[in-house]
Amino acid sequence: MDRKTKTFIGLDIGTSSVKGVLLSETGEVLAAGRRGFDYDRPAPGLIEIPADRYLASCRALLSELAAAVPETAELAGISEASASGNPVLVGEDGEALAPIINWQDTRVTDECETVLGDFDRDAYYRSTGWGFDMKTFPLGDLCWYRVHCPDLLDSAAAVAMSTEYLNYKLTGKWGIGTSAGTPFYLIDQPTGTYRRDVLDKIGVPEEKLPPILETGSILGCVTEEASRTWGIPAGVPVTVGTFDHPSAARGVGVLREGQLLLSCGTSWVGLYPIGDRERVLDAGMLADPFLSEKGGPSCGMVSLASVSGILEACVRRYVTNEGDIYGTLASLAAESEPGAGRLKIDPLGPQDAEEIARHPKTHIARAIMEGTVAHLARRIREMKEKGISATEAVMVGGPSETPLWAKLIEEQTGLTVTVKHGAFAGAVGAAMLAGIAAGVWKDEADAQRTAGN
């Protein structure tokens, strides 16, 4: 009997949607898809989603991709990349006790100061790899629960994030990766252990948190119950994935110093592989373990947070509010000469609406795109001044599918920019990680050599 080709599902669980691919061991994307997340906003600043609604979106996509496995192939692994930071409290019955709080939620005011007291934020940054603003992400939300809903927090049998909850539903096991767990703000990166001092202040025992696992570890296998519910074969291994941008870097082969990943989604992020974690911290970047657990580089990230929402509002206000707004933006911008007739628009800053209205839509569209890229180029220059630089870049994410964005980035940064896997780069990287865990590829470099086309 001929050996069946191995295939792998990779998910990229983002802020607004979950994207996924079915990847063959030869590197062919056999299927791809996405499902949106429908959030509730019950009050100003609150952004949350019922856990069953979140799971339903993930379930629909997983089932679709599993159904696309050819008869001559087998599903040999699943992994997820995620832009998590979305906490969930889970009861003894395995069901969520409250909606999942989105990382962009702003309900936290002074609860962190109340709960954490004297808190050395710089030292905590060097420990966890991300600067904490005392307002957002799970650490902020857990402080909010401690002040406003202590009984609910104490009654939780498990405290996790949305990605770990998904994996629990698939395998019946809890676990959190060192990369995917960074937005939890509770893991000391150098030791790979929880910050017990902070847990004590919040009043959450470590036993309620998912065990910390090395990135790429097999958490468990799809259970018989999950198989019946999700339409995925029982016994398929589920691999602990990574934060979304490091996954995209794996998917497109940004693995060594001198390379730069430009990941453009809800936030626009520049990711640099960097051998020495201290250099990442000294530059004030977001730190991720990346390949360091296998003797490779860590990585540092700089971000234009939530830029897509700001850009969308600007396009709808000045260019068009109908149809494919980004397609219209790029089409009009392409008709304008570089410099947009000397019109300057800063989508992330104040704008002179009267001055903008004096210009044709072609100039306005070009100025919006040039103004957005200017912020990214400025961050790249700032990193270069700190000794962090690159000579080549790979662009991924939705905007990468519009060639003019990459062209403008090249013009403003001097970098050679290539585009690969578009909006699905993170999902491809997750699928590759599942393939490495299954033994199909030795490591990320091997996956790129044999399946990175």
Protein backbone atom coordinates (compact mmCIF):
# COMPACT_ATOMS: atom_id res chain seq x y z
CA MET A 1 0.00 0.00 0.00
CA ASP A 2 1.38 3.43 -0.96
CA ARG A 3 2.33 5.75 1.87
CA LYS A 4 -0.15 8.56 2.36
CA THR A 5 1.12 12.11 2.04
CA LYS A 6 1.16 13.95 5.33
CA THR A 7 -0.74 17.21 5.61
CA PHE A 8 -0.90 19.77 8.39
CA ILE A 9 -3.41 22.40 9.46
CA GLY A 10 -2.03 25.72 10.61
CA LEU A 11 -4.24 28.40 12.13
CA ASP A 12 -3.45 32.06 12.62
CA ILE A 13 -5.83 33.31 15.29
CA GLY A 14 -5.82 37.08 14.94
CA THR A 15 -7.79 39.91 16.45
CA SER A 16 -10.57 40.18 13.88
CA SER A 17 -10.52 36.70 12.36
CA VAL A 18 -8.97 33.25 12.31
CA LYS A 19 -7.16 32.27 9.12
CA GLY A 20 -5.99 28.78 8.25
CA VAL A 21 -4.24 26.63 5.68
CA LEU A 22 -3.92 22.95 4.89
CA LEU A 23 -0.24 22.43 3.98
CA SER A 24 1.20 19.31 2.35
CA GLU A 25 4.63 17.93 3.21
CA THR A 26 5.81 19.19 -0.18
CA GLY A 27 4.90 22.75 0.76
CA GLU A 28 1.75 23.07 -1.32
CA VAL A 29 -1.13 25.00 0.23
CA LEU A 30 -4.01 22.63 -0.52
CA ALA A 31 -6.73 24.79 1.05
CA ALA A 32 -7.07 28.10 2.83
CA GLY A 33 -9.86 29.97 4.53
CA ARG A 34 -10.88 32.35 7.26
CA ARG A 35 -13.70 33.05 9.69
CA GLY A 36 -14.44 36.35 11.39
CA PHE A 37 -14.93 37.02 15.10
CA ASP A 38 -18.08 38.89 16.10
CA TYR A 39 -17.36 40.89 19.25
CA ASP A 40 -19.78 42.36 21.76
CA ARG A 41 -19.32 45.92 23.03
CA PRO A 42 -21.73 46.04 25.99
CA ALA A 43 -20.38 49.37 27.23
CA PRO A 44 -17.84 51.99 26.12
CA GLY A 45 -14.35 50.52 26.17
CA LEU A 46 -15.52 46.91 26.63
CA ILE A 47 -14.65 44.46 23.84
CA GLU A 48 -15.44 40.79 24.48
CA ILE A 49 -16.69 37.65 22.81
CA PRO A 50 -18.63 34.71 24.27
CA ALA A 51 -16.36 31.67 24.39
CA ASP A 52 -18.80 29.50 22.44
CA ARG A 53 -18.93 32.07 19.64
CA TYR A 54 -15.13 32.22 19.51
CA LEU A 55 -14.92 28.43 19.42
CA ALA A 56 -17.59 28.23 16.72
CA SER A 57 -15.49 30.33 14.33
CA CYS A 58 -12.40 28.20 14.98
CA ARG A 59 -14.42 24.98 14.73
CA ALA A 60 -15.96 25.95 11.37
CA LEU A 61 -12.55 26.66 9.85
CA LEU A 62 -10.89 23.56 11.28
CA SER A 63 -13.71 21.37 9.98
CA GLU A 64 -13.48 22.96 6.53
CA LEU A 65 -9.72 22.41 6.32
CA ALA A 66 -9.94 18.84 7.65
CA ALA A 67 -12.55 18.04 5.01
CA ALA A 68 -10.12 19.25 2.31
CA VAL A 69 -7.53 16.54 3.07
CA PRO A 70 -7.24 14.45 -0.12
CA GLU A 71 -8.04 10.73 -0.04
CA THR A 72 -4.37 10.05 -0.79
CA ALA A 73 -3.25 12.03 2.25
CA GLU A 74 -3.66 12.05 6.02
CA LEU A 75 -3.95 14.85 8.54
CA ALA A 76 -0.79 14.50 10.63
CA GLY A 77 -0.83 17.57 12.84
CA ILE A 78 -2.45 20.83 13.90
CA SER A 79 -0.89 23.98 15.35
CA GLU A 80 -1.96 27.57 15.88
CA ALA A 81 -0.25 30.90 15.83
CA SER A 82 -2.10 33.55 17.77
CA ALA A 83 -2.17 37.21 18.62
CA SER A 84 -3.71 36.31 21.94
CA GLY A 85 -3.62 38.32 25.14
CA ASN A 86 -7.30 37.48 25.55
CA PRO A 87 -7.98 36.01 29.02
CA VAL A 88 -10.66 33.46 29.80
CA LEU A 89 -11.80 32.03 33.15
CA VAL A 90 -12.85 28.38 32.98
CA GLY A 91 -14.98 26.43 35.45
CA GLU A 92 -14.67 22.87 36.73
CA ASP A 93 -16.88 21.66 33.88
CA GLY A 94 -14.48 23.03 31.26
CA GLU A 95 -16.83 25.83 30.23
CA ALA A 96 -16.03 29.54 30.29
CA LEU A 97 -17.34 31.45 33.30
CA ALA A 98 -17.36 34.80 31.48
CA PRO A 99 -16.79 36.15 27.97
CA ILE A 100 -13.25 36.24 26.58
CA ILE A 101 -11.85 39.76 26.97
CA ASN A 102 -10.18 41.13 23.83
CA TRP A 103 -6.70 42.63 24.22
CA GLN A 104 -7.96 45.98 22.90
CA ASP A 105 -10.52 46.24 25.73
CA THR A 106 -10.01 49.33 27.91
CA ARG A 107 -12.05 48.55 31.03
CA VAL A 108 -9.00 48.69 33.30
CA THR A 109 -8.39 52.05 35.01
CA ASP A 110 -6.39 52.02 38.26
CA GLU A 111 -6.96 48.38 39.26
CA CYS A 112 -3.36 47.38 38.52
CA GLU A 113 -2.00 50.02 40.88
CA THR A 114 -4.44 48.80 43.55
CA VAL A 115 -3.54 45.12 43.20
CA LEU A 116 0.15 45.23 42.26
CA GLY A 117 1.19 48.11 44.50
CA ASP A 118 4.88 49.07 44.21
CA PHE A 119 5.65 47.68 40.77
CA ASP A 120 8.98 48.05 38.93
CA ARG A 121 7.75 48.15 35.37
CA ASP A 122 11.23 48.28 33.79
CA ALA A 123 12.38 45.21 35.69
CA TYR A 124 9.17 43.43 34.76
CA TYR A 125 9.74 44.29 31.10
CA ARG A 126 13.19 42.72 31.20
CA SER A 127 11.64 39.63 32.79
CA THR A 128 8.59 39.10 30.58
CA GLY A 129 9.90 40.69 27.37
CA TRP A 130 6.99 43.09 26.89
CA GLY A 131 6.46 46.48 28.49
CA PHE A 132 3.32 46.56 30.62
CA ASP A 133 1.10 49.66 30.44
CA MET A 134 -0.86 48.81 33.64
CA LYS A 135 -4.07 48.92 31.58
CA THR A 136 -4.44 46.04 29.13
CA PHE A 137 -3.77 42.38 28.33
CA PRO A 138 -4.45 39.51 30.79
CA LEU A 139 -2.42 40.94 33.65
CA GLY A 140 -4.52 44.09 33.61
CA ASP A 141 -7.76 42.14 33.23
CA LEU A 142 -6.90 39.77 36.09
CA CYS A 143 -6.32 42.79 38.33
CA TRP A 144 -9.72 44.08 37.20
CA TYR A 145 -11.32 40.75 38.14
CA ARG A 146 -9.60 40.82 41.54
CA VAL A 147 -11.06 44.26 42.31
CA HIS A 148 -14.53 43.94 40.77
CA CYS A 149 -15.32 40.19 40.53
CA PRO A 150 -13.14 38.42 43.14
CA ASP A 151 -15.60 35.57 43.66
CA LEU A 152 -15.65 34.84 39.94
CA LEU A 153 -11.86 34.83 39.76
CA ASP A 154 -11.56 32.58 42.82
CA SER A 155 -14.15 30.12 41.47
CA ALA A 156 -12.22 29.55 38.23
CA ALA A 157 -10.64 26.12 37.92
CA ALA A 158 -8.37 27.38 35.14
CA VAL A 159 -7.10 30.81 34.09
CA ALA A 160 -5.81 30.92 30.53
CA MET A 161 -6.01 32.72 27.21
CA SER A 162 -8.27 31.98 24.27
CA THR A 163 -5.69 29.94 22.34
CA GLU A 164 -4.98 27.62 25.25
CA TYR A 165 -8.73 27.22 25.73
CA LEU A 166 -9.10 26.13 22.10
CA ASN A 167 -6.33 23.55 22.53
CA TYR A 168 -7.95 22.32 25.73
CA LYS A 169 -11.20 21.77 23.87
CA LEU A 170 -9.33 19.78 21.21
CA THR A 171 -7.12 17.65 23.46
CA GLY A 172 -8.52 17.82 26.98
CA LYS A 173 -5.11 19.09 28.14
CA TRP A 174 -3.83 22.47 29.26
CA GLY A 175 -0.52 23.90 28.10
CA ILE A 176 0.98 27.22 27.06
CA GLY A 177 4.00 27.86 24.87
CA THR A 178 6.85 30.19 25.77
CA SER A 179 6.15 32.33 22.69
CA ALA A 180 2.35 32.19 22.54
CA GLY A 181 2.37 32.81 26.30
CA THR A 182 4.27 36.10 26.12
CA PRO A 183 1.07 38.24 25.95
CA PHE A 184 -0.05 36.55 29.18
CA TYR A 185 2.46 38.88 30.92
CA LEU A 186 2.99 36.24 33.60
CA ILE A 187 5.98 34.25 32.26
CA ASP A 188 9.62 35.04 33.02
CA GLN A 189 11.30 34.51 29.64
CA PRO A 190 14.86 33.71 30.83
CA THR A 191 13.69 30.84 33.08
CA GLY A 192 10.47 29.82 31.34
CA THR A 193 8.58 29.93 34.64
CA TYR A 194 5.63 31.86 36.03
CA ARG A 195 6.13 35.01 38.07
CA ARG A 196 4.88 33.66 41.40
CA ASP A 197 5.34 37.03 43.12
CA VAL A 198 2.80 38.62 40.76
CA LEU A 199 0.46 35.63 40.96
CA ASP A 200 0.48 35.97 44.74
CA LYS A 201 -0.56 39.61 44.47
CA ILE A 202 -3.40 38.77 42.10
CA GLY A 203 -4.38 35.80 44.21
CA VAL A 204 -4.21 33.20 41.43
CA PRO A 205 -2.46 29.91 42.33
CA GLU A 206 -0.01 28.66 39.72
CA GLU A 207 -1.90 25.36 39.68
CA LYS A 208 -4.77 27.14 37.89
CA LEU A 209 -2.54 28.21 35.00
CA PRO A 210 -1.60 26.09 31.95
CA PRO A 211 1.76 24.30 32.34
CA ILE A 212 4.52 26.08 30.40
CA LEU A 213 5.82 24.05 27.45
CA GLU A 214 8.59 24.59 24.92
CA THR A 215 7.40 25.95 21.59
CA GLY A 216 6.77 23.11 19.16
CA SER A 217 5.95 20.55 21.84
CA ILE A 218 3.08 18.17 21.20
CA LEU A 219 0.41 19.06 23.76
CA GLY A 220 -1.81 16.05 23.09
CA CYS A 221 -4.05 14.52 20.48
CA VAL A 222 -7.57 15.29 19.29
CA THR A 223 -9.96 13.43 21.58
CA GLU A 224 -12.83 11.20 20.47
CA GLU A 225 -15.29 13.79 21.82
CA ALA A 226 -13.61 16.64 19.94
CA SER A 227 -13.53 14.51 16.81
CA ARG A 228 -17.29 14.05 16.91
CA THR A 229 -17.91 17.73 17.55
CA TRP A 230 -15.27 19.29 15.31
CA GLY A 231 -15.09 16.88 12.39
CA ILE A 232 -11.36 16.22 12.85
CA PRO A 233 -9.94 12.69 13.05
CA ALA A 234 -9.27 11.53 16.61
CA GLY A 235 -5.62 11.04 17.46
CA VAL A 236 -4.24 13.92 15.38
CA PRO A 237 -1.39 15.57 17.35
CA VAL A 238 -1.86 19.20 18.42
CA THR A 239 1.39 21.16 18.65
CA VAL A 240 1.98 24.17 20.90
CA GLY A 241 2.33 27.15 18.58
CA THR A 242 3.74 30.64 18.80
CA PHE A 243 2.82 34.31 18.85
CA ASP A 244 1.55 35.27 15.41
CA HIS A 245 4.45 37.33 14.04
CA PRO A 246 7.18 34.80 14.92
CA SER A 247 4.99 32.19 13.22
CA ALA A 248 4.81 34.30 10.07
CA ALA A 249 8.61 34.68 10.18
CA ARG A 250 8.89 30.88 10.21
CA GLY A 251 6.44 30.63 7.34
CA VAL A 252 8.40 32.93 5.03
CA GLY A 253 11.95 32.08 6.10
CA VAL A 254 12.90 35.16 8.12
CA LEU A 255 15.19 33.19 10.42
CA ARG A 256 18.52 35.01 10.68
CA GLU A 257 19.98 38.38 11.59
CA GLY A 258 19.91 40.90 8.78
CA GLN A 259 16.39 39.93 7.78
CA LEU A 260 13.20 41.77 8.64
CA LEU A 261 9.60 40.62 8.66
CA LEU A 262 7.00 43.29 7.96
CA SER A 263 3.76 41.85 9.28
CA CYS A 264 0.82 44.09 8.46
CA GLY A 265 -2.47 43.17 10.09
CA THR A 266 -4.46 44.81 12.89
CA SER A 267 -1.11 46.20 14.00
CA TRP A 268 1.88 46.71 11.71
CA VAL A 269 4.89 44.95 13.18
CA GLY A 270 8.55 44.78 12.24
CA LEU A 271 10.24 41.59 13.46
CA TYR A 272 14.04 41.25 13.56
CA PRO A 273 15.83 37.96 14.41
CA ILE A 274 18.48 38.96 16.97
CA GLY A 275 21.00 36.61 18.54
CA ASP A 276 21.30 38.34 21.92
CA ARG A 277 18.11 38.93 23.92
CA GLU A 278 19.79 41.77 25.82
CA ARG A 279 20.13 43.72 22.59
CA VAL A 280 16.39 43.37 22.10
CA LEU A 281 15.69 44.74 25.57
CA ASP A 282 18.27 47.52 25.32
CA ALA A 283 16.51 48.69 22.14
CA GLY A 284 13.15 48.71 23.94
CA MET A 285 11.61 46.15 21.58
CA LEU A 286 9.06 43.42 22.27
CA ALA A 287 11.06 40.26 22.94
CA ASP A 288 10.12 36.74 21.85
CA PRO A 289 12.09 33.52 22.40
CA PHE A 290 11.73 32.72 18.68
CA LEU A 291 14.40 30.08 17.83
CA SER A 292 16.50 30.49 20.98
CA GLU A 293 15.18 27.27 22.54
CA LYS A 294 16.90 25.42 19.68
CA GLY A 295 20.12 27.43 19.80
CA GLY A 296 19.01 30.04 17.27
CA PRO A 297 18.22 33.73 17.65
CA SER A 298 15.59 35.44 19.74
CA CYS A 299 13.66 38.15 17.99
CA GLY A 300 12.63 41.71 18.67
CA MET A 301 9.51 43.46 17.44
CA VAL A 302 8.44 47.06 16.98
CA SER A 303 4.81 47.89 16.46
CA LEU A 304 2.38 50.44 15.11
CA ALA A 305 -0.43 49.21 17.34
CA SER A 306 -3.98 48.94 15.94
CA VAL A 307 -2.96 50.91 12.84
CA SER A 308 -5.43 49.11 10.55
CA GLY A 309 -8.45 50.54 12.35
CA ILE A 310 -6.98 54.05 12.21
CA LEU A 311 -6.16 53.64 8.53
CA GLU A 312 -9.65 52.38 7.76
CA ALA A 313 -11.25 55.39 9.45
CA CYS A 314 -9.04 57.73 7.44
CA VAL A 315 -9.86 56.04 4.14
CA ARG A 316 -13.59 56.06 4.88
CA ARG A 317 -13.47 59.74 5.82
CA TYR A 318 -11.43 61.09 2.90
CA VAL A 319 -11.51 58.55 0.05
CA THR A 320 -14.54 56.24 0.03
CA ASN A 321 -16.96 54.59 2.39
CA GLU A 322 -18.33 52.03 -0.06
CA GLY A 323 -17.31 48.64 -1.45
CA ASP A 324 -13.68 47.52 -1.41
CA ILE A 325 -12.26 50.60 0.26
CA TYR A 326 -8.65 49.38 0.18
CA GLY A 327 -8.89 48.39 -3.47
CA THR A 328 -10.20 51.84 -4.27
CA LEU A 329 -7.45 53.43 -2.15
CA ALA A 330 -4.68 51.60 -4.01
CA SER A 331 -6.24 52.18 -7.43
CA LEU A 332 -6.53 55.92 -6.89
CA ALA A 333 -3.08 56.17 -5.29
CA ALA A 334 -1.49 54.44 -8.28
CA GLU A 335 -2.83 57.23 -10.52
CA SER A 336 -1.02 59.89 -8.47
CA GLU A 337 2.58 60.90 -8.91
CA PRO A 338 4.93 60.23 -5.96
CA GLY A 339 4.61 62.94 -3.34
CA ALA A 340 0.86 63.30 -3.92
CA GLY A 341 1.12 66.86 -5.18
CA ARG A 342 2.89 67.84 -1.94
CA LEU A 343 -0.12 66.83 0.13
CA LYS A 344 0.85 65.37 3.50
CA ILE A 345 -1.57 63.25 5.54
CA ASP A 346 -0.69 61.59 8.81
CA PRO A 347 -3.36 58.93 9.40
CA LEU A 348 -2.08 58.44 12.94
CA GLY A 349 -2.07 62.13 13.82
CA PRO A 350 -4.12 65.33 13.43
CA GLN A 351 -5.38 66.21 9.95
CA ASP A 352 -6.43 69.41 8.23
CA ALA A 353 -9.72 68.35 6.64
CA GLU A 354 -10.15 71.64 4.78
CA GLU A 355 -6.70 71.40 3.20
CA ILE A 356 -7.24 67.74 2.27
CA ALA A 357 -10.57 68.58 0.61
CA ARG A 358 -8.77 70.94 -1.82
CA HIS A 359 -6.93 68.00 -3.44
CA PRO A 360 -8.15 65.34 -5.87
CA LYS A 361 -8.91 61.85 -4.56
CA THR A 362 -5.82 60.49 -6.32
CA HIS A 363 -3.54 62.74 -4.25
CA ILE A 364 -5.48 62.05 -1.07
CA ALA A 365 -5.21 58.29 -1.51
CA ARG A 366 -1.49 58.47 -2.25
CA ALA A 367 -0.86 60.77 0.70
CA ILE A 368 -2.68 58.42 3.07
CA MET A 369 -0.56 55.47 1.94
CA GLU A 370 2.67 57.47 2.00
CA GLY A 371 1.83 58.87 5.43
CA THR A 372 1.19 55.41 6.87
CA VAL A 373 4.43 54.03 5.44
CA ALA A 374 6.31 57.04 6.82
CA HIS A 375 5.55 55.87 10.37
CA LEU A 376 6.88 52.40 9.59
CA ALA A 377 9.99 53.84 7.92
CA ARG A 378 10.59 56.05 10.95
CA ARG A 379 10.51 53.03 13.26
CA ILE A 380 12.98 51.21 11.01
CA ARG A 381 15.34 54.22 11.12
CA GLU A 382 15.03 54.38 14.90
CA MET A 383 16.01 50.73 15.17
CA LYS A 384 19.00 51.29 12.88
CA GLU A 385 20.19 54.09 15.15
CA LYS A 386 20.07 51.56 18.00
CA GLY A 387 22.17 49.06 16.10
CA ILE A 388 19.29 46.89 14.87
CA SER A 389 19.19 46.77 11.08
CA ALA A 390 18.29 44.66 8.07
CA THR A 391 19.20 44.52 4.41
CA GLU A 392 16.17 42.58 3.19
CA ALA A 393 12.53 42.37 4.20
CA VAL A 394 9.59 40.08 3.59
CA MET A 395 6.12 41.61 3.78
CA VAL A 396 3.08 39.58 4.87
CA GLY A 397 -0.50 40.33 5.86
CA GLY A 398 -3.46 41.69 3.96
CA PRO A 399 -1.80 44.91 2.67
CA SER A 400 1.04 42.82 1.17
CA GLU A 401 -1.44 41.65 -1.46
CA THR A 402 -1.49 45.22 -2.85
CA PRO A 403 1.87 45.74 -4.64
CA LEU A 404 1.92 49.51 -4.13
CA TRP A 405 2.38 49.11 -0.35
CA ALA A 406 5.61 47.14 -0.83
CA LYS A 407 6.82 49.63 -3.45
CA LEU A 408 6.27 52.57 -1.08
CA ILE A 409 8.10 50.77 1.72
CA GLU A 410 11.06 50.16 -0.60
CA GLU A 411 11.12 53.83 -1.60
CA GLN A 412 11.03 55.13 1.97
CA THR A 413 13.36 52.57 3.61
CA GLY A 414 15.81 51.54 0.90
CA LEU A 415 15.11 47.89 1.72
CA THR A 416 14.48 45.21 -0.86
CA VAL A 417 10.97 44.01 -0.05
CA THR A 418 9.53 40.69 -1.21
CA VAL A 419 6.02 39.42 -0.60
CA LYS A 420 5.19 35.86 0.42
CA HIS A 421 2.06 34.00 1.53
CA GLY A 422 0.10 37.25 1.97
CA ALA A 423 -2.43 37.14 4.79
CA PHE A 424 -1.75 33.43 5.42
CA ALA A 425 1.96 33.55 6.36
CA GLY A 426 1.27 33.01 10.06
CA ALA A 427 -0.92 30.00 9.29
CA VAL A 428 1.77 28.52 7.03
CA GLY A 429 4.33 28.94 9.80
CA ALA A 430 2.02 27.17 12.25
CA ALA A 431 1.53 24.29 9.82
CA MET A 432 5.29 24.01 9.40
CA LEU A 433 5.69 23.84 13.18
CA ALA A 434 3.23 20.94 13.26
CA GLY A 435 5.27 19.26 10.53
CA ILE A 436 8.48 19.68 12.48
CA ALA A 437 6.83 18.13 15.54
CA ALA A 438 5.72 15.21 13.35
CA GLY A 439 9.27 14.63 12.10
CA VAL A 440 8.60 15.59 8.49
CA TRP A 441 11.10 18.44 8.70
CA LYS A 442 14.14 18.67 10.97
CA ASP A 443 13.70 22.34 11.82
CA GLU A 444 12.49 25.65 10.38
CA ALA A 445 15.41 25.94 7.95
CA ASP A 446 14.75 22.42 6.66
CA ALA A 447 11.06 23.24 6.26
CA GLN A 448 12.00 26.26 4.15
CA ARG A 449 14.39 24.24 1.98
CA THR A 450 11.84 21.52 1.22
CA ALA A 451 8.50 23.28 1.58
CA GLY A 452 9.14 26.99 1.47
CA ASN A 453 8.26 27.62 -2.15
